[in-house]
Amino acid sequence: MVAAYRFKAIEYEEASAEVREIYRDTMQTMSTPFVLNWFKCQGANPTLLRGNWQKVKATLFSGQLPMLLKQLILYSVSQRRGCQYCTFLHGATADALGPQLCDIEGFKVTDDLESSVLPSSYKTAIRIVTRCALDPLSTTDDDFEALRDEGFSDAEIQELMAQADLVNMLNTIADVSGIAIDAELLGMQG
C-alpha cells in the first residue's frame, strides 16, 4: 500500500532495476527487511536516490565514531527541528543501541541526553553538533577545542560535523516529502 506523499513512494516491486539495486543496498547496509519510506519517496529519481544514499552510507555507516553517538546526534537535531519522521527513526535506533551503555530494564537512552549513563564526550558532542546543525554560524573555535578536550581527533570532529550536515538533509527531505513513519517500524515498537 502506497501512502499519499508529495512524491510518489516507489515500492520495491514497481521500482526500476537501478532503484531496486539501491534499495537492496539500503536494506543490506541497514539490516532491515524493508525499504524505508525516506528512500521510497526518492525512488522516481534514481540519480538523486543514489547520491543521497551514498551520502547517508558514507556519513552514517562508515567512519570512526560509534553508531550510537551518531544516532543520538541525528535524534537530537531532528527533535529540535520538529521532524517527526527522523525523530522517530533515529530515536528508535538509538534506543535499540542503548544497551551498549546500560542494561537497566526499560532504559531508553533518548529519555535524557544529559543522563549520567552517557559518557561526557557524547554529551558534549551532542550539545555542540546539535547547535551547529541548527545554527552553523554559531560554531566557534571553542567548540572544536571542547571536542578535542573530550578526546575527539580532528578526523572524528570532521565526522561529527558531517552528522550536522547529514541530519539537515535527512530532515529536509523527510519534511518536504510528507512521508509517514514506516508501518514496519511502528510494528517493531509494539
N, C-alpha and C. Protein backbone atom coordinates (compact mmCIF):
# COMPACT_ATOMS: atom_id res chain seq x y z
N MET A 1 0.84 -1.18 0.00
CA MET A 1 0.00 0.00 0.00
C MET A 1 0.89 1.24 0.00
N VAL A 2 0.61 2.16 -0.89
CA VAL A 2 1.40 3.38 -1.03
C VAL A 2 0.65 4.53 -0.38
N ALA A 3 1.31 5.19 0.56
CA ALA A 3 0.71 6.35 1.21
C ALA A 3 0.73 7.54 0.26
N ALA A 4 -0.08 8.52 0.55
CA ALA A 4 -0.16 9.72 -0.28
C ALA A 4 0.90 10.72 0.19
N TYR A 5 2.04 10.68 -0.44
CA TYR A 5 3.13 11.60 -0.14
C TYR A 5 3.14 12.68 -1.21
N ARG A 6 3.94 13.71 -0.99
CA ARG A 6 4.09 14.75 -2.01
C ARG A 6 4.81 14.19 -3.23
N PHE A 7 5.70 13.23 -2.99
CA PHE A 7 6.33 12.49 -4.08
C PHE A 7 5.83 11.06 -3.96
N LYS A 8 5.51 10.47 -5.09
CA LYS A 8 5.00 9.10 -5.05
C LYS A 8 6.07 8.18 -4.46
N ALA A 9 5.67 7.38 -3.50
CA ALA A 9 6.56 6.39 -2.91
C ALA A 9 6.66 5.22 -3.88
N ILE A 10 7.86 4.96 -4.33
CA ILE A 10 8.08 3.87 -5.28
C ILE A 10 8.40 2.61 -4.49
N GLU A 11 7.48 1.68 -4.53
CA GLU A 11 7.66 0.41 -3.83
C GLU A 11 8.69 -0.44 -4.56
N TYR A 12 9.31 -1.35 -3.84
CA TYR A 12 10.34 -2.21 -4.40
C TYR A 12 9.84 -2.92 -5.66
N GLU A 13 8.64 -3.46 -5.59
CA GLU A 13 8.09 -4.26 -6.70
C GLU A 13 7.91 -3.45 -7.97
N GLU A 14 7.67 -2.15 -7.86
CA GLU A 14 7.42 -1.32 -9.04
C GLU A 14 8.65 -0.51 -9.45
N ALA A 15 9.75 -0.65 -8.72
CA ALA A 15 10.96 0.14 -8.98
C ALA A 15 11.71 -0.39 -10.19
N SER A 16 12.46 0.51 -10.81
CA SER A 16 13.34 0.12 -11.91
C SER A 16 14.46 -0.76 -11.36
N ALA A 17 15.16 -1.44 -12.25
CA ALA A 17 16.28 -2.29 -11.82
C ALA A 17 17.33 -1.48 -11.07
N GLU A 18 17.60 -0.27 -11.53
CA GLU A 18 18.60 0.59 -10.87
C GLU A 18 18.16 0.96 -9.46
N VAL A 19 16.90 1.30 -9.30
CA VAL A 19 16.38 1.68 -7.99
C VAL A 19 16.33 0.45 -7.07
N ARG A 20 15.94 -0.69 -7.61
CA ARG A 20 15.94 -1.92 -6.80
C ARG A 20 17.33 -2.23 -6.26
N GLU A 21 18.34 -2.02 -7.07
CA GLU A 21 19.72 -2.26 -6.64
C GLU A 21 20.06 -1.36 -5.44
N ILE A 22 19.68 -0.10 -5.51
CA ILE A 22 19.93 0.84 -4.41
C ILE A 22 19.11 0.42 -3.19
N TYR A 23 17.85 0.08 -3.40
CA TYR A 23 17.01 -0.38 -2.29
C TYR A 23 17.64 -1.58 -1.58
N ARG A 24 18.12 -2.56 -2.38
CA ARG A 24 18.76 -3.74 -1.78
C ARG A 24 19.97 -3.35 -0.94
N ASP A 25 20.74 -2.40 -1.44
CA ASP A 25 21.92 -1.95 -0.70
C ASP A 25 21.50 -1.27 0.61
N THR A 26 20.43 -0.48 0.59
CA THR A 26 19.97 0.16 1.83
C THR A 26 19.54 -0.90 2.84
N MET A 27 18.79 -1.88 2.37
CA MET A 27 18.31 -2.92 3.29
C MET A 27 19.47 -3.74 3.86
N GLN A 28 20.43 -4.07 3.02
CA GLN A 28 21.58 -4.86 3.48
C GLN A 28 22.42 -4.05 4.46
N THR A 29 22.74 -2.82 4.13
CA THR A 29 23.58 -1.98 4.99
C THR A 29 22.91 -1.68 6.31
N MET A 30 21.61 -1.43 6.27
CA MET A 30 20.88 -1.04 7.47
C MET A 30 20.30 -2.24 8.21
N SER A 31 20.46 -3.43 7.66
CA SER A 31 19.92 -4.66 8.26
C SER A 31 18.42 -4.56 8.51
N THR A 32 17.71 -4.08 7.50
CA THR A 32 16.25 -4.01 7.57
C THR A 32 15.66 -4.89 6.47
N PRO A 33 14.55 -5.56 6.76
CA PRO A 33 13.92 -6.41 5.75
C PRO A 33 12.97 -5.63 4.83
N PHE A 34 12.99 -4.31 4.90
CA PHE A 34 12.11 -3.49 4.09
C PHE A 34 12.83 -2.20 3.72
N VAL A 35 12.29 -1.50 2.72
CA VAL A 35 12.85 -0.21 2.29
C VAL A 35 12.17 0.89 3.09
N LEU A 36 12.96 1.74 3.69
CA LEU A 36 12.39 2.86 4.46
C LEU A 36 11.67 3.84 3.53
N ASN A 37 10.61 4.44 4.05
CA ASN A 37 9.85 5.43 3.29
C ASN A 37 10.74 6.58 2.82
N TRP A 38 11.76 6.93 3.61
CA TRP A 38 12.66 8.02 3.24
C TRP A 38 13.30 7.75 1.88
N PHE A 39 13.63 6.50 1.60
CA PHE A 39 14.21 6.15 0.31
C PHE A 39 13.13 6.02 -0.77
N LYS A 40 12.00 5.43 -0.40
CA LYS A 40 10.92 5.23 -1.38
C LYS A 40 10.45 6.54 -1.99
N CYS A 41 10.44 7.61 -1.18
CA CYS A 41 9.95 8.89 -1.71
C CYS A 41 10.92 9.49 -2.73
N GLN A 42 12.11 8.91 -2.87
CA GLN A 42 13.08 9.36 -3.86
C GLN A 42 13.22 8.38 -5.02
N GLY A 43 12.43 7.30 -4.99
CA GLY A 43 12.57 6.22 -5.96
C GLY A 43 12.28 6.59 -7.40
N ALA A 44 11.58 7.69 -7.64
CA ALA A 44 11.30 8.10 -9.01
C ALA A 44 12.50 8.80 -9.65
N ASN A 45 13.51 9.11 -8.84
CA ASN A 45 14.69 9.82 -9.34
C ASN A 45 15.95 9.04 -8.93
N PRO A 46 16.35 8.06 -9.75
CA PRO A 46 17.48 7.21 -9.38
C PRO A 46 18.78 7.98 -9.12
N THR A 47 19.01 9.05 -9.84
CA THR A 47 20.24 9.83 -9.65
C THR A 47 20.25 10.47 -8.27
N LEU A 48 19.15 11.09 -7.89
CA LEU A 48 19.04 11.71 -6.57
C LEU A 48 19.11 10.64 -5.48
N LEU A 49 18.38 9.56 -5.65
CA LEU A 49 18.37 8.48 -4.67
C LEU A 49 19.77 7.93 -4.45
N ARG A 50 20.48 7.65 -5.53
CA ARG A 50 21.84 7.09 -5.41
C ARG A 50 22.77 8.08 -4.69
N GLY A 51 22.71 9.35 -5.07
CA GLY A 51 23.58 10.35 -4.43
C GLY A 51 23.27 10.50 -2.95
N ASN A 52 21.99 10.56 -2.61
CA ASN A 52 21.62 10.71 -1.20
C ASN A 52 21.97 9.46 -0.40
N TRP A 53 21.77 8.29 -1.00
CA TRP A 53 22.13 7.06 -0.30
C TRP A 53 23.64 6.99 -0.07
N GLN A 54 24.43 7.37 -1.07
CA GLN A 54 25.89 7.34 -0.89
C GLN A 54 26.31 8.28 0.24
N LYS A 55 25.66 9.43 0.34
CA LYS A 55 25.98 10.36 1.42
C LYS A 55 25.61 9.75 2.77
N VAL A 56 24.42 9.17 2.87
CA VAL A 56 24.00 8.53 4.12
C VAL A 56 24.96 7.40 4.47
N LYS A 57 25.26 6.58 3.50
CA LYS A 57 26.11 5.41 3.73
C LYS A 57 27.51 5.83 4.19
N ALA A 58 28.09 6.83 3.54
CA ALA A 58 29.44 7.27 3.89
C ALA A 58 29.47 8.00 5.23
N THR A 59 28.45 8.77 5.53
CA THR A 59 28.45 9.60 6.74
C THR A 59 27.98 8.83 7.96
N LEU A 60 26.96 8.02 7.81
CA LEU A 60 26.35 7.34 8.95
C LEU A 60 26.92 5.94 9.18
N PHE A 61 27.20 5.21 8.12
CA PHE A 61 27.58 3.81 8.26
C PHE A 61 29.08 3.56 8.08
N SER A 62 29.85 4.60 7.96
CA SER A 62 31.30 4.49 7.86
C SER A 62 31.92 5.43 8.89
N GLY A 63 33.20 5.30 9.08
CA GLY A 63 33.91 6.22 9.96
C GLY A 63 34.28 5.61 11.29
N GLN A 64 34.79 6.49 12.17
CA GLN A 64 35.35 6.05 13.44
C GLN A 64 34.40 6.21 14.61
N LEU A 65 33.42 7.07 14.50
CA LEU A 65 32.52 7.34 15.62
C LEU A 65 31.55 6.19 15.86
N PRO A 66 31.19 5.95 17.12
CA PRO A 66 30.21 4.91 17.42
C PRO A 66 28.84 5.24 16.80
N MET A 67 28.18 4.22 16.29
CA MET A 67 26.86 4.40 15.70
C MET A 67 25.89 5.02 16.70
N LEU A 68 25.96 4.63 17.96
CA LEU A 68 25.05 5.18 18.96
C LEU A 68 25.20 6.70 19.05
N LEU A 69 26.42 7.20 19.07
CA LEU A 69 26.63 8.64 19.14
C LEU A 69 26.05 9.33 17.91
N LYS A 70 26.28 8.77 16.75
CA LYS A 70 25.74 9.37 15.52
C LYS A 70 24.21 9.40 15.58
N GLN A 71 23.60 8.30 16.00
CA GLN A 71 22.14 8.25 16.07
C GLN A 71 21.59 9.24 17.09
N LEU A 72 22.29 9.42 18.20
CA LEU A 72 21.85 10.38 19.21
C LEU A 72 21.92 11.81 18.68
N ILE A 73 22.93 12.10 17.91
CA ILE A 73 23.02 13.43 17.28
C ILE A 73 21.86 13.63 16.30
N LEU A 74 21.62 12.65 15.45
CA LEU A 74 20.53 12.75 14.48
C LEU A 74 19.19 12.89 15.20
N TYR A 75 19.03 12.15 16.27
CA TYR A 75 17.80 12.24 17.07
C TYR A 75 17.66 13.64 17.69
N SER A 76 18.71 14.13 18.30
CA SER A 76 18.67 15.42 18.98
C SER A 76 18.30 16.55 18.02
N VAL A 77 18.96 16.60 16.89
CA VAL A 77 18.68 17.66 15.91
C VAL A 77 17.27 17.51 15.36
N SER A 78 16.90 16.29 15.01
CA SER A 78 15.56 16.05 14.45
C SER A 78 14.47 16.46 15.42
N GLN A 79 14.67 16.14 16.68
CA GLN A 79 13.69 16.51 17.70
C GLN A 79 13.58 18.02 17.82
N ARG A 80 14.71 18.71 17.85
CA ARG A 80 14.71 20.17 17.97
C ARG A 80 14.11 20.83 16.74
N ARG A 81 14.32 20.25 15.57
CA ARG A 81 13.76 20.81 14.33
C ARG A 81 12.30 20.43 14.15
N GLY A 82 11.83 19.45 14.89
CA GLY A 82 10.44 19.03 14.77
C GLY A 82 10.17 18.09 13.62
N CYS A 83 11.19 17.38 13.15
CA CYS A 83 10.99 16.40 12.07
C CYS A 83 10.51 15.09 12.71
N GLN A 84 9.22 14.84 12.61
CA GLN A 84 8.64 13.68 13.27
C GLN A 84 9.21 12.36 12.74
N TYR A 85 9.37 12.26 11.43
CA TYR A 85 9.88 11.02 10.85
C TYR A 85 11.27 10.70 11.38
N CYS A 86 12.19 11.65 11.27
CA CYS A 86 13.57 11.41 11.69
C CYS A 86 13.70 11.28 13.21
N THR A 87 12.89 12.02 13.96
CA THR A 87 12.92 11.88 15.41
C THR A 87 12.55 10.45 15.79
N PHE A 88 11.50 9.93 15.18
CA PHE A 88 11.07 8.57 15.48
C PHE A 88 12.13 7.55 15.06
N LEU A 89 12.58 7.64 13.81
CA LEU A 89 13.52 6.65 13.27
C LEU A 89 14.83 6.64 14.05
N HIS A 90 15.43 7.80 14.25
CA HIS A 90 16.74 7.83 14.90
C HIS A 90 16.62 7.64 16.40
N GLY A 91 15.49 8.02 16.98
CA GLY A 91 15.25 7.74 18.40
C GLY A 91 15.11 6.25 18.64
N ALA A 92 14.33 5.59 17.79
CA ALA A 92 14.14 4.14 17.95
C ALA A 92 15.47 3.40 17.74
N THR A 93 16.25 3.85 16.78
CA THR A 93 17.54 3.21 16.53
C THR A 93 18.49 3.43 17.71
N ALA A 94 18.54 4.65 18.23
CA ALA A 94 19.40 4.94 19.38
C ALA A 94 18.95 4.11 20.59
N ASP A 95 17.65 4.05 20.82
CA ASP A 95 17.17 3.27 21.96
C ASP A 95 17.50 1.79 21.81
N ALA A 96 17.46 1.27 20.58
CA ALA A 96 17.84 -0.13 20.35
C ALA A 96 19.33 -0.36 20.64
N LEU A 97 20.14 0.67 20.43
CA LEU A 97 21.58 0.57 20.70
C LEU A 97 21.92 0.92 22.14
N GLY A 98 20.98 1.48 22.88
CA GLY A 98 21.20 1.93 24.25
C GLY A 98 21.78 0.90 25.19
N PRO A 99 21.41 -0.38 25.06
CA PRO A 99 22.00 -1.39 25.96
C PRO A 99 23.53 -1.47 25.89
N GLN A 100 24.14 -0.88 24.88
CA GLN A 100 25.60 -0.81 24.84
C GLN A 100 26.13 -0.01 26.04
N LEU A 101 25.31 0.92 26.53
CA LEU A 101 25.72 1.78 27.65
C LEU A 101 25.15 1.33 28.99
N CYS A 102 23.97 0.74 28.96
CA CYS A 102 23.27 0.46 30.21
C CYS A 102 22.32 -0.72 30.02
N ASP A 103 22.35 -1.66 30.94
CA ASP A 103 21.46 -2.81 30.82
C ASP A 103 20.29 -2.76 31.80
N ILE A 104 19.93 -1.56 32.25
CA ILE A 104 18.77 -1.39 33.12
C ILE A 104 17.51 -1.65 32.29
N GLU A 105 16.66 -2.51 32.79
CA GLU A 105 15.43 -2.85 32.06
C GLU A 105 14.59 -1.59 31.83
N GLY A 106 14.13 -1.43 30.60
CA GLY A 106 13.29 -0.29 30.24
C GLY A 106 14.06 0.99 29.97
N PHE A 107 15.39 0.95 30.06
CA PHE A 107 16.20 2.15 29.82
C PHE A 107 16.08 2.59 28.38
N LYS A 108 15.80 3.87 28.19
CA LYS A 108 15.78 4.48 26.87
C LYS A 108 16.78 5.62 26.87
N VAL A 109 17.80 5.49 26.08
CA VAL A 109 18.85 6.50 26.04
C VAL A 109 18.31 7.86 25.60
N THR A 110 17.22 7.87 24.84
CA THR A 110 16.67 9.13 24.35
C THR A 110 15.85 9.88 25.39
N ASP A 111 15.57 9.23 26.52
CA ASP A 111 14.78 9.90 27.56
C ASP A 111 15.52 11.08 28.18
N ASP A 112 16.86 11.02 28.22
CA ASP A 112 17.64 12.08 28.86
C ASP A 112 19.02 12.12 28.24
N LEU A 113 19.24 13.07 27.33
CA LEU A 113 20.54 13.17 26.66
C LEU A 113 21.62 13.77 27.56
N GLU A 114 21.25 14.10 28.79
CA GLU A 114 22.23 14.56 29.79
C GLU A 114 22.39 13.52 30.90
N SER A 115 21.88 12.32 30.68
CA SER A 115 21.94 11.25 31.66
C SER A 115 23.37 10.95 32.07
N SER A 116 23.54 10.56 33.33
CA SER A 116 24.87 10.17 33.82
C SER A 116 25.36 8.90 33.14
N VAL A 117 24.47 8.17 32.50
CA VAL A 117 24.85 6.95 31.78
C VAL A 117 25.67 7.31 30.53
N LEU A 118 25.37 8.46 29.94
CA LEU A 118 26.08 8.87 28.73
C LEU A 118 27.47 9.38 29.08
N PRO A 119 28.48 8.94 28.33
CA PRO A 119 29.82 9.48 28.56
C PRO A 119 29.83 11.00 28.33
N SER A 120 30.70 11.67 29.04
CA SER A 120 30.84 13.13 28.90
C SER A 120 31.11 13.51 27.44
N SER A 121 31.91 12.71 26.76
CA SER A 121 32.23 13.01 25.36
C SER A 121 30.97 12.99 24.49
N TYR A 122 30.06 12.07 24.74
CA TYR A 122 28.80 12.01 23.99
C TYR A 122 27.98 13.27 24.25
N LYS A 123 27.83 13.63 25.52
CA LYS A 123 27.01 14.79 25.87
C LYS A 123 27.57 16.06 25.23
N THR A 124 28.88 16.22 25.28
CA THR A 124 29.50 17.40 24.67
C THR A 124 29.27 17.41 23.17
N ALA A 125 29.50 16.27 22.52
CA ALA A 125 29.32 16.18 21.07
C ALA A 125 27.87 16.43 20.67
N ILE A 126 26.94 15.84 21.38
CA ILE A 126 25.52 16.04 21.06
C ILE A 126 25.15 17.51 21.19
N ARG A 127 25.56 18.12 22.28
CA ARG A 127 25.23 19.53 22.52
C ARG A 127 25.81 20.45 21.44
N ILE A 128 27.10 20.26 21.15
CA ILE A 128 27.77 21.13 20.17
C ILE A 128 27.26 20.89 18.76
N VAL A 129 27.18 19.64 18.35
CA VAL A 129 26.78 19.35 16.97
C VAL A 129 25.32 19.71 16.75
N THR A 130 24.47 19.52 17.75
CA THR A 130 23.07 19.93 17.60
C THR A 130 23.00 21.43 17.35
N ARG A 131 23.71 22.21 18.16
CA ARG A 131 23.69 23.67 17.97
C ARG A 131 24.25 24.05 16.61
N CYS A 132 25.34 23.41 16.19
CA CYS A 132 25.95 23.72 14.90
C CYS A 132 25.03 23.36 13.74
N ALA A 133 24.28 22.28 13.87
CA ALA A 133 23.33 21.90 12.82
C ALA A 133 22.20 22.91 12.71
N LEU A 134 21.73 23.38 13.86
CA LEU A 134 20.61 24.32 13.89
C LEU A 134 21.04 25.75 13.55
N ASP A 135 22.29 26.09 13.87
CA ASP A 135 22.79 27.44 13.65
C ASP A 135 24.28 27.36 13.33
N PRO A 136 24.63 27.02 12.08
CA PRO A 136 26.03 26.82 11.71
C PRO A 136 26.93 28.01 12.02
N LEU A 137 26.38 29.22 11.93
CA LEU A 137 27.21 30.39 12.18
C LEU A 137 27.56 30.57 13.65
N SER A 138 26.93 29.78 14.51
CA SER A 138 27.25 29.86 15.94
C SER A 138 28.48 29.03 16.29
N THR A 139 28.99 28.27 15.34
CA THR A 139 30.15 27.41 15.57
C THR A 139 31.38 28.27 15.86
N THR A 140 32.11 27.89 16.91
CA THR A 140 33.30 28.65 17.31
C THR A 140 34.53 27.74 17.42
N ASP A 141 35.66 28.37 17.52
CA ASP A 141 36.90 27.63 17.76
C ASP A 141 36.82 26.91 19.11
N ASP A 142 36.13 27.52 20.06
CA ASP A 142 35.97 26.90 21.38
C ASP A 142 35.22 25.58 21.28
N ASP A 143 34.28 25.48 20.33
CA ASP A 143 33.58 24.21 20.13
C ASP A 143 34.56 23.12 19.74
N PHE A 144 35.45 23.44 18.83
CA PHE A 144 36.44 22.45 18.38
C PHE A 144 37.38 22.09 19.53
N GLU A 145 37.76 23.05 20.32
CA GLU A 145 38.63 22.78 21.47
C GLU A 145 37.91 21.91 22.50
N ALA A 146 36.63 22.19 22.74
CA ALA A 146 35.87 21.38 23.69
C ALA A 146 35.80 19.93 23.22
N LEU A 147 35.61 19.72 21.92
CA LEU A 147 35.58 18.36 21.37
C LEU A 147 36.95 17.70 21.48
N ARG A 148 38.00 18.45 21.21
CA ARG A 148 39.36 17.90 21.37
C ARG A 148 39.61 17.54 22.84
N ASP A 149 39.17 18.41 23.74
CA ASP A 149 39.35 18.15 25.17
C ASP A 149 38.65 16.87 25.61
N GLU A 150 37.58 16.49 24.90
CA GLU A 150 36.86 15.25 25.20
C GLU A 150 37.52 14.03 24.56
N GLY A 151 38.61 14.28 23.81
CA GLY A 151 39.35 13.16 23.24
C GLY A 151 39.08 12.89 21.77
N PHE A 152 38.27 13.72 21.12
CA PHE A 152 38.00 13.52 19.70
C PHE A 152 39.17 14.01 18.87
N SER A 153 39.57 13.21 17.88
CA SER A 153 40.62 13.61 16.94
C SER A 153 40.03 14.58 15.93
N ASP A 154 40.88 15.24 15.15
CA ASP A 154 40.37 16.14 14.11
C ASP A 154 39.51 15.39 13.10
N ALA A 155 39.92 14.17 12.75
CA ALA A 155 39.12 13.37 11.81
C ALA A 155 37.74 13.06 12.40
N GLU A 156 37.69 12.75 13.69
CA GLU A 156 36.40 12.48 14.34
C GLU A 156 35.55 13.74 14.43
N ILE A 157 36.19 14.89 14.65
CA ILE A 157 35.44 16.15 14.69
C ILE A 157 34.84 16.44 13.32
N GLN A 158 35.59 16.18 12.25
CA GLN A 158 35.02 16.34 10.91
C GLN A 158 33.82 15.42 10.74
N GLU A 159 33.95 14.21 11.23
CA GLU A 159 32.85 13.24 11.15
C GLU A 159 31.64 13.72 11.96
N LEU A 160 31.90 14.29 13.14
CA LEU A 160 30.80 14.84 13.94
C LEU A 160 30.08 15.94 13.18
N MET A 161 30.84 16.85 12.60
CA MET A 161 30.23 17.97 11.88
C MET A 161 29.51 17.49 10.61
N ALA A 162 29.98 16.39 10.05
CA ALA A 162 29.29 15.80 8.90
C ALA A 162 27.90 15.30 9.30
N GLN A 163 27.75 14.91 10.57
CA GLN A 163 26.42 14.49 11.05
C GLN A 163 25.46 15.69 11.03
N ALA A 164 25.98 16.88 11.34
CA ALA A 164 25.15 18.10 11.29
C ALA A 164 24.63 18.32 9.88
N ASP A 165 25.49 18.17 8.91
CA ASP A 165 25.10 18.32 7.51
C ASP A 165 24.11 17.23 7.11
N LEU A 166 24.42 15.99 7.48
CA LEU A 166 23.57 14.86 7.11
C LEU A 166 22.16 15.01 7.68
N VAL A 167 22.05 15.33 8.95
CA VAL A 167 20.73 15.41 9.57
C VAL A 167 19.89 16.52 8.95
N ASN A 168 20.51 17.60 8.54
CA ASN A 168 19.75 18.66 7.88
C ASN A 168 19.18 18.17 6.56
N MET A 169 19.95 17.39 5.81
CA MET A 169 19.45 16.81 4.57
C MET A 169 18.33 15.80 4.86
N LEU A 170 18.56 14.92 5.84
CA LEU A 170 17.55 13.92 6.18
C LEU A 170 16.24 14.57 6.58
N ASN A 171 16.31 15.56 7.45
CA ASN A 171 15.11 16.25 7.93
C ASN A 171 14.40 16.98 6.79
N THR A 172 15.16 17.65 5.96
CA THR A 172 14.56 18.42 4.87
C THR A 172 13.81 17.50 3.91
N ILE A 173 14.44 16.42 3.50
CA ILE A 173 13.77 15.50 2.57
C ILE A 173 12.54 14.88 3.22
N ALA A 174 12.66 14.46 4.47
CA ALA A 174 11.50 13.86 5.15
C ALA A 174 10.35 14.86 5.26
N ASP A 175 10.66 16.08 5.66
CA ASP A 175 9.60 17.07 5.86
C ASP A 175 8.98 17.55 4.55
N VAL A 176 9.78 17.84 3.54
CA VAL A 176 9.19 18.32 2.29
C VAL A 176 8.45 17.21 1.55
N SER A 177 8.86 15.95 1.78
CA SER A 177 8.21 14.83 1.11
C SER A 177 6.87 14.46 1.74
N GLY A 178 6.70 14.83 3.00
CA GLY A 178 5.46 14.50 3.69
C GLY A 178 5.33 13.02 4.02
N ILE A 179 6.45 12.33 4.19
CA ILE A 179 6.39 10.89 4.44
C ILE A 179 5.91 10.59 5.85
N ALA A 180 5.30 9.43 5.96
CA ALA A 180 4.82 8.94 7.25
C ALA A 180 5.84 7.96 7.82
N ILE A 181 5.78 7.76 9.11
CA ILE A 181 6.63 6.76 9.75
C ILE A 181 6.26 5.39 9.20
N ASP A 182 7.25 4.61 8.88
CA ASP A 182 7.06 3.30 8.27
C ASP A 182 6.20 2.41 9.16
N ALA A 183 5.18 1.78 8.57
CA ALA A 183 4.33 0.86 9.33
C ALA A 183 5.17 -0.26 9.94
N GLU A 184 6.20 -0.69 9.23
CA GLU A 184 7.07 -1.75 9.74
C GLU A 184 7.79 -1.32 11.02
N LEU A 185 8.20 -0.05 11.06
CA LEU A 185 8.87 0.47 12.27
C LEU A 185 7.88 0.58 13.42
N LEU A 186 6.69 1.04 13.14
CA LEU A 186 5.67 1.14 14.17
C LEU A 186 5.34 -0.25 14.72
N GLY A 187 5.30 -1.24 13.84
CA GLY A 187 5.02 -2.62 14.26
C GLY A 187 6.13 -3.21 15.11
N MET A 188 7.38 -2.80 14.85
CA MET A 188 8.50 -3.31 15.65
C MET A 188 8.46 -2.76 17.07
N GLN A 189 7.89 -1.59 17.24
CA GLN A 189 7.84 -0.99 18.57
C GLN A 189 6.78 -1.64 19.45
N GLY A 190 5.70 -2.06 18.82
CA GLY A 190 4.61 -2.63 19.59
C GLY A 190 4.88 -4.01 19.99
